[in-house]
Structure formats: structure tokens, C-alpha cells
Amino acid sequence: MSKKLLSALFGASLAALALSPTAFAADQKLSDFHAESGGCESCHKDGTPSADGAFEFEQCQSCHGSLAEMDAVHKPHDGNLVCADCHAVHDMNVGEKPTCESCHDDGRTPATILKK
């Protein structure tokens, strides 16, 4: 490969890494990361959690898409779960992935599901 092509690929890789959420938000709570985009109101109506979580679930989907539109990890849960059932946004850090073991005891992980 030419040096120009290698340099371009290296530069693009560095740019992608620098722009990824885990690169600039490591050790930051998901809730804090989202709040930086628009305060608590970016997820909660009037900045206050709803009693049933329905508003928050709609907010997740308005930015990230519905479970049915997502990858193989999310699609089977469409109609059965809401995002907060797996993603504890006030407890998890950006880039941290939930495990499947709280509901499934067969050793599955998001990585093994996506490889299928």
C-alpha cells in the first residue's frame, strides 16, 4: 500500500476513535452524557422521571430508533421490554454494555448474539 493511503486510513481511524462516545466520555454516567445534550429534559418530561417510564422509553426511541429497528440483540425484546430494563442510565457508564445474565442463564452475551 502507498504511504498516502496508509496515512489516510490511519487518520480516518484516529478521527473515528476520537469521535466515538467511549473515547470522550469514558467513566461518565450515561445520564450525565445525555443531560449534556439538553438537560434532564432530554429524557424526562419537565426534568422529572415519569411514574411508569413510558415517556423515557419514547425519548430513547426518538433518538436511537425502536427495538424492532435495532440489531439482533434488541429485536427479540420488541414489545416485551423497555430500554431501562437493561440499560441503567443512572448507574452505567458510557460504553458499558448490559449483560444478558439477569434474565438468561444460557451464557449468551450481546457479542455471541451478534455473531450469529
N, C-alpha and C. Protein backbone atom coordinates (compact mmCIF):
# COMPACT_ATOMS: atom_id res chain seq x y z
N MET A 1 0.84 -1.19 0.00
CA MET A 1 0.00 0.00 0.00
C MET A 1 0.88 1.24 0.00
N SER A 2 0.36 2.27 -0.60
CA SER A 2 1.13 3.51 -0.64
C SER A 2 1.11 4.19 0.71
N LYS A 3 2.12 5.03 0.95
CA LYS A 3 2.20 5.76 2.21
C LYS A 3 1.03 6.72 2.36
N LYS A 4 0.57 7.31 1.25
CA LYS A 4 -0.57 8.24 1.30
C LYS A 4 -1.83 7.52 1.75
N LEU A 5 -2.06 6.34 1.18
CA LEU A 5 -3.25 5.57 1.55
C LEU A 5 -3.19 5.13 3.00
N LEU A 6 -2.04 4.66 3.43
CA LEU A 6 -1.88 4.25 4.83
C LEU A 6 -2.08 5.43 5.77
N SER A 7 -1.55 6.59 5.40
CA SER A 7 -1.72 7.78 6.22
C SER A 7 -3.19 8.19 6.30
N ALA A 8 -3.88 8.11 5.18
CA ALA A 8 -5.31 8.46 5.16
C ALA A 8 -6.11 7.50 6.02
N LEU A 9 -5.83 6.22 5.91
CA LEU A 9 -6.54 5.22 6.72
C LEU A 9 -6.25 5.42 8.21
N PHE A 10 -5.01 5.69 8.54
CA PHE A 10 -4.63 5.92 9.93
C PHE A 10 -5.34 7.17 10.47
N GLY A 11 -5.35 8.23 9.67
CA GLY A 11 -6.02 9.47 10.07
C GLY A 11 -7.51 9.27 10.27
N ALA A 12 -8.14 8.53 9.37
CA ALA A 12 -9.58 8.26 9.48
C ALA A 12 -9.86 7.42 10.72
N SER A 13 -9.00 6.47 11.01
CA SER A 13 -9.18 5.64 12.21
C SER A 13 -9.07 6.47 13.48
N LEU A 14 -8.09 7.35 13.52
CA LEU A 14 -7.94 8.22 14.69
C LEU A 14 -9.13 9.15 14.85
N ALA A 15 -9.64 9.67 13.76
CA ALA A 15 -10.80 10.56 13.82
C ALA A 15 -12.02 9.80 14.33
N ALA A 16 -12.23 8.59 13.84
CA ALA A 16 -13.36 7.79 14.30
C ALA A 16 -13.25 7.48 15.78
N LEU A 17 -12.06 7.15 16.22
CA LEU A 17 -11.84 6.86 17.64
C LEU A 17 -12.08 8.11 18.48
N ALA A 18 -11.59 9.23 18.03
CA ALA A 18 -11.73 10.47 18.79
C ALA A 18 -13.18 10.91 18.89
N LEU A 19 -13.99 10.57 17.89
CA LEU A 19 -15.39 10.99 17.88
C LEU A 19 -16.33 9.97 18.53
N SER A 20 -15.83 8.80 18.88
CA SER A 20 -16.70 7.79 19.48
C SER A 20 -17.05 8.20 20.91
N PRO A 21 -18.28 7.90 21.35
CA PRO A 21 -18.70 8.28 22.70
C PRO A 21 -17.79 7.74 23.79
N THR A 22 -17.27 6.53 23.61
CA THR A 22 -16.43 5.96 24.66
C THR A 22 -15.09 6.67 24.76
N ALA A 23 -14.64 7.31 23.69
CA ALA A 23 -13.35 8.00 23.73
C ALA A 23 -13.42 9.27 24.56
N PHE A 24 -14.50 10.02 24.44
CA PHE A 24 -14.55 11.29 25.15
C PHE A 24 -15.44 11.26 26.37
N ALA A 25 -16.06 10.14 26.65
CA ALA A 25 -16.97 10.09 27.79
C ALA A 25 -16.69 8.91 28.71
N ALA A 26 -15.50 8.35 28.63
CA ALA A 26 -15.17 7.23 29.49
C ALA A 26 -15.35 7.63 30.94
N ASP A 27 -15.85 6.72 31.74
CA ASP A 27 -16.11 6.94 33.15
C ASP A 27 -17.16 8.02 33.40
N GLN A 28 -18.00 8.27 32.42
CA GLN A 28 -19.10 9.23 32.58
C GLN A 28 -20.41 8.45 32.56
N LYS A 29 -21.29 8.75 33.47
CA LYS A 29 -22.59 8.08 33.51
C LYS A 29 -23.37 8.39 32.24
N LEU A 30 -24.14 7.40 31.77
CA LEU A 30 -24.99 7.62 30.61
C LEU A 30 -25.94 8.79 30.83
N SER A 31 -26.47 8.92 32.03
CA SER A 31 -27.40 10.01 32.32
C SER A 31 -26.72 11.37 32.18
N ASP A 32 -25.49 11.47 32.64
CA ASP A 32 -24.75 12.74 32.53
C ASP A 32 -24.45 13.06 31.07
N PHE A 33 -24.09 12.03 30.32
CA PHE A 33 -23.80 12.19 28.89
C PHE A 33 -25.04 12.72 28.15
N HIS A 34 -26.21 12.12 28.44
CA HIS A 34 -27.44 12.56 27.80
C HIS A 34 -27.86 13.96 28.28
N ALA A 35 -27.64 14.24 29.55
CA ALA A 35 -28.02 15.54 30.10
C ALA A 35 -27.23 16.67 29.45
N GLU A 36 -26.00 16.39 29.03
CA GLU A 36 -25.20 17.40 28.35
C GLU A 36 -25.83 17.82 27.02
N SER A 37 -26.68 16.95 26.47
CA SER A 37 -27.33 17.26 25.19
C SER A 37 -28.56 18.14 25.35
N GLY A 38 -29.12 18.21 26.53
CA GLY A 38 -30.33 19.02 26.69
C GLY A 38 -30.88 19.00 28.09
N GLY A 39 -30.04 18.75 29.06
CA GLY A 39 -30.51 18.71 30.44
C GLY A 39 -31.32 17.45 30.71
N CYS A 40 -31.86 17.37 31.88
CA CYS A 40 -32.66 16.20 32.27
C CYS A 40 -33.88 16.06 31.36
N GLU A 41 -34.31 17.20 30.77
CA GLU A 41 -35.46 17.20 29.88
C GLU A 41 -35.21 16.42 28.60
N SER A 42 -33.96 16.12 28.29
CA SER A 42 -33.69 15.32 27.09
C SER A 42 -34.23 13.91 27.24
N CYS A 43 -34.45 13.47 28.47
CA CYS A 43 -35.02 12.14 28.71
C CYS A 43 -36.32 12.18 29.52
N HIS A 44 -36.43 13.14 30.42
CA HIS A 44 -37.58 13.21 31.34
C HIS A 44 -38.44 14.43 31.04
N LYS A 45 -39.76 14.22 31.00
CA LYS A 45 -40.68 15.34 30.80
C LYS A 45 -40.56 16.30 31.97
N ASP A 46 -40.34 17.55 31.68
CA ASP A 46 -40.14 18.58 32.70
C ASP A 46 -38.98 18.26 33.64
N GLY A 47 -38.07 17.39 33.21
CA GLY A 47 -36.91 17.05 34.02
C GLY A 47 -37.18 16.10 35.16
N THR A 48 -38.40 15.58 35.24
CA THR A 48 -38.80 14.70 36.33
C THR A 48 -39.15 13.32 35.79
N PRO A 49 -38.63 12.24 36.40
CA PRO A 49 -38.96 10.89 35.92
C PRO A 49 -40.46 10.62 35.97
N SER A 50 -40.97 9.95 34.95
CA SER A 50 -42.38 9.56 34.94
C SER A 50 -42.57 8.34 35.84
N ALA A 51 -43.79 8.13 36.27
CA ALA A 51 -44.08 7.02 37.18
C ALA A 51 -43.91 5.66 36.50
N ASP A 52 -44.26 5.58 35.22
CA ASP A 52 -44.21 4.29 34.53
C ASP A 52 -43.06 4.15 33.53
N GLY A 53 -42.28 5.19 33.31
CA GLY A 53 -41.14 5.13 32.39
C GLY A 53 -41.52 5.20 30.92
N ALA A 54 -42.79 5.35 30.62
CA ALA A 54 -43.23 5.36 29.22
C ALA A 54 -42.67 6.56 28.46
N PHE A 55 -42.67 7.72 29.08
CA PHE A 55 -42.14 8.91 28.41
C PHE A 55 -40.66 8.72 28.09
N GLU A 56 -39.91 8.21 29.04
CA GLU A 56 -38.48 8.00 28.85
C GLU A 56 -38.23 6.99 27.72
N PHE A 57 -39.03 5.93 27.67
CA PHE A 57 -38.90 4.93 26.61
C PHE A 57 -39.13 5.56 25.24
N GLU A 58 -40.12 6.41 25.14
CA GLU A 58 -40.38 7.13 23.88
C GLU A 58 -39.20 8.04 23.52
N GLN A 59 -38.61 8.68 24.53
CA GLN A 59 -37.46 9.54 24.28
C GLN A 59 -36.27 8.74 23.77
N CYS A 60 -36.03 7.57 24.35
CA CYS A 60 -34.95 6.70 23.87
C CYS A 60 -35.16 6.39 22.39
N GLN A 61 -36.38 5.99 22.06
CA GLN A 61 -36.68 5.59 20.69
C GLN A 61 -36.62 6.77 19.71
N SER A 62 -36.92 7.96 20.18
CA SER A 62 -36.89 9.11 19.28
C SER A 62 -35.47 9.41 18.81
N CYS A 63 -34.47 9.05 19.60
CA CYS A 63 -33.08 9.27 19.19
C CYS A 63 -32.42 8.01 18.63
N HIS A 64 -32.68 6.87 19.27
CA HIS A 64 -31.97 5.64 18.93
C HIS A 64 -32.74 4.70 18.03
N GLY A 65 -34.03 4.96 17.80
CA GLY A 65 -34.87 4.06 17.00
C GLY A 65 -35.56 3.04 17.88
N SER A 66 -36.55 2.38 17.33
CA SER A 66 -37.29 1.38 18.10
C SER A 66 -36.48 0.10 18.21
N LEU A 67 -36.85 -0.74 19.15
CA LEU A 67 -36.16 -2.02 19.31
C LEU A 67 -36.25 -2.85 18.03
N ALA A 68 -37.39 -2.76 17.35
CA ALA A 68 -37.58 -3.52 16.11
C ALA A 68 -36.62 -3.07 15.01
N GLU A 69 -36.15 -1.83 15.08
CA GLU A 69 -35.25 -1.29 14.07
C GLU A 69 -33.78 -1.54 14.39
N MET A 70 -33.50 -2.06 15.56
CA MET A 70 -32.12 -2.22 16.02
C MET A 70 -31.55 -3.58 15.63
N ASP A 71 -30.40 -3.89 16.20
CA ASP A 71 -29.68 -5.12 15.87
C ASP A 71 -30.34 -6.35 16.49
N ALA A 72 -29.71 -7.51 16.26
CA ALA A 72 -30.25 -8.79 16.70
C ALA A 72 -30.36 -8.92 18.21
N VAL A 73 -29.60 -8.14 18.96
CA VAL A 73 -29.70 -8.17 20.42
C VAL A 73 -31.01 -7.54 20.87
N HIS A 74 -31.43 -6.49 20.19
CA HIS A 74 -32.59 -5.72 20.61
C HIS A 74 -33.91 -6.22 20.03
N LYS A 75 -33.92 -6.67 18.78
CA LYS A 75 -35.16 -7.03 18.08
C LYS A 75 -36.03 -8.03 18.84
N PRO A 76 -35.49 -9.09 19.43
CA PRO A 76 -36.34 -10.06 20.12
C PRO A 76 -37.06 -9.48 21.34
N HIS A 77 -36.60 -8.35 21.84
CA HIS A 77 -37.20 -7.75 23.03
C HIS A 77 -38.30 -6.75 22.69
N ASP A 78 -38.50 -6.47 21.40
CA ASP A 78 -39.52 -5.51 20.98
C ASP A 78 -40.89 -5.95 21.48
N GLY A 79 -41.55 -5.05 22.18
CA GLY A 79 -42.87 -5.36 22.72
C GLY A 79 -42.84 -6.03 24.08
N ASN A 80 -41.65 -6.43 24.53
CA ASN A 80 -41.52 -7.13 25.81
C ASN A 80 -40.80 -6.31 26.87
N LEU A 81 -39.84 -5.49 26.44
CA LEU A 81 -39.02 -4.73 27.37
C LEU A 81 -38.95 -3.27 26.95
N VAL A 82 -38.54 -2.44 27.87
CA VAL A 82 -38.21 -1.05 27.57
C VAL A 82 -36.71 -0.91 27.79
N CYS A 83 -36.13 0.14 27.26
CA CYS A 83 -34.68 0.32 27.30
C CYS A 83 -34.12 0.22 28.73
N ALA A 84 -34.82 0.85 29.68
CA ALA A 84 -34.33 0.89 31.06
C ALA A 84 -34.35 -0.48 31.74
N ASP A 85 -35.00 -1.47 31.14
CA ASP A 85 -34.95 -2.82 31.71
C ASP A 85 -33.53 -3.38 31.66
N CYS A 86 -32.75 -2.95 30.68
CA CYS A 86 -31.37 -3.43 30.54
C CYS A 86 -30.34 -2.32 30.75
N HIS A 87 -30.66 -1.13 30.28
CA HIS A 87 -29.73 -0.01 30.34
C HIS A 87 -30.07 0.88 31.54
N ALA A 88 -29.29 0.74 32.60
CA ALA A 88 -29.49 1.54 33.82
C ALA A 88 -28.71 2.85 33.66
N VAL A 89 -29.36 3.82 33.03
CA VAL A 89 -28.64 5.03 32.60
C VAL A 89 -28.07 5.86 33.74
N HIS A 90 -28.61 5.73 34.92
CA HIS A 90 -28.07 6.49 36.05
C HIS A 90 -26.97 5.71 36.79
N ASP A 91 -26.77 4.46 36.40
CA ASP A 91 -25.76 3.62 37.04
C ASP A 91 -24.64 3.18 36.10
N MET A 92 -24.92 3.12 34.80
CA MET A 92 -23.94 2.61 33.83
C MET A 92 -23.15 3.75 33.21
N ASN A 93 -21.90 3.45 32.89
CA ASN A 93 -21.04 4.42 32.20
C ASN A 93 -21.24 4.31 30.69
N VAL A 94 -20.91 5.38 30.00
CA VAL A 94 -20.94 5.39 28.54
C VAL A 94 -20.03 4.28 28.04
N GLY A 95 -20.50 3.52 27.08
CA GLY A 95 -19.72 2.42 26.51
C GLY A 95 -19.88 1.11 27.25
N GLU A 96 -20.44 1.14 28.44
CA GLU A 96 -20.66 -0.09 29.21
C GLU A 96 -21.88 -0.81 28.66
N LYS A 97 -21.74 -2.08 28.40
CA LYS A 97 -22.83 -2.86 27.83
C LYS A 97 -23.51 -3.67 28.93
N PRO A 98 -24.84 -3.74 28.89
CA PRO A 98 -25.53 -4.58 29.87
C PRO A 98 -25.26 -6.06 29.56
N THR A 99 -25.42 -6.89 30.56
CA THR A 99 -25.26 -8.33 30.35
C THR A 99 -26.63 -8.95 30.14
N CYS A 100 -26.65 -10.16 29.68
CA CYS A 100 -27.91 -10.86 29.45
C CYS A 100 -28.27 -11.76 30.63
N GLU A 101 -27.33 -11.97 31.54
CA GLU A 101 -27.48 -12.98 32.57
C GLU A 101 -28.55 -12.67 33.62
N SER A 102 -29.00 -11.44 33.71
CA SER A 102 -30.05 -11.17 34.69
C SER A 102 -31.37 -11.83 34.29
N CYS A 103 -31.54 -12.13 33.00
CA CYS A 103 -32.76 -12.81 32.53
C CYS A 103 -32.47 -14.17 31.89
N HIS A 104 -31.30 -14.33 31.30
CA HIS A 104 -30.97 -15.56 30.56
C HIS A 104 -29.83 -16.29 31.26
N ASP A 105 -29.97 -17.60 31.43
CA ASP A 105 -28.93 -18.37 32.11
C ASP A 105 -28.20 -19.33 31.17
N ASP A 106 -28.22 -19.02 29.88
CA ASP A 106 -27.60 -19.91 28.90
C ASP A 106 -26.24 -19.43 28.40
N GLY A 107 -25.67 -18.43 29.06
CA GLY A 107 -24.34 -17.95 28.72
C GLY A 107 -24.30 -16.97 27.55
N ARG A 108 -25.46 -16.56 27.04
CA ARG A 108 -25.45 -15.62 25.91
C ARG A 108 -24.94 -14.26 26.32
N THR A 109 -24.35 -13.60 25.38
CA THR A 109 -23.89 -12.22 25.55
C THR A 109 -24.27 -11.46 24.28
N PRO A 110 -24.29 -10.14 24.33
CA PRO A 110 -24.56 -9.41 23.09
C PRO A 110 -23.59 -9.80 21.97
N ALA A 111 -22.34 -10.04 22.30
CA ALA A 111 -21.35 -10.39 21.29
C ALA A 111 -21.67 -11.72 20.62
N THR A 112 -22.09 -12.72 21.40
CA THR A 112 -22.40 -14.02 20.79
C THR A 112 -23.66 -13.95 19.95
N ILE A 113 -24.60 -13.12 20.32
CA ILE A 113 -25.83 -12.98 19.55
C ILE A 113 -25.54 -12.30 18.22
N LEU A 114 -24.71 -11.29 18.24
CA LEU A 114 -24.40 -10.55 17.02
C LEU A 114 -23.55 -11.37 16.04
N LYS A 115 -22.85 -12.38 16.51
CA LYS A 115 -22.02 -13.21 15.63
C LYS A 115 -22.86 -14.20 14.83
N LYS A 116 -24.08 -14.45 15.24
CA LYS A 116 -24.94 -15.43 14.56
C LYS A 116 -25.36 -14.95 13.21
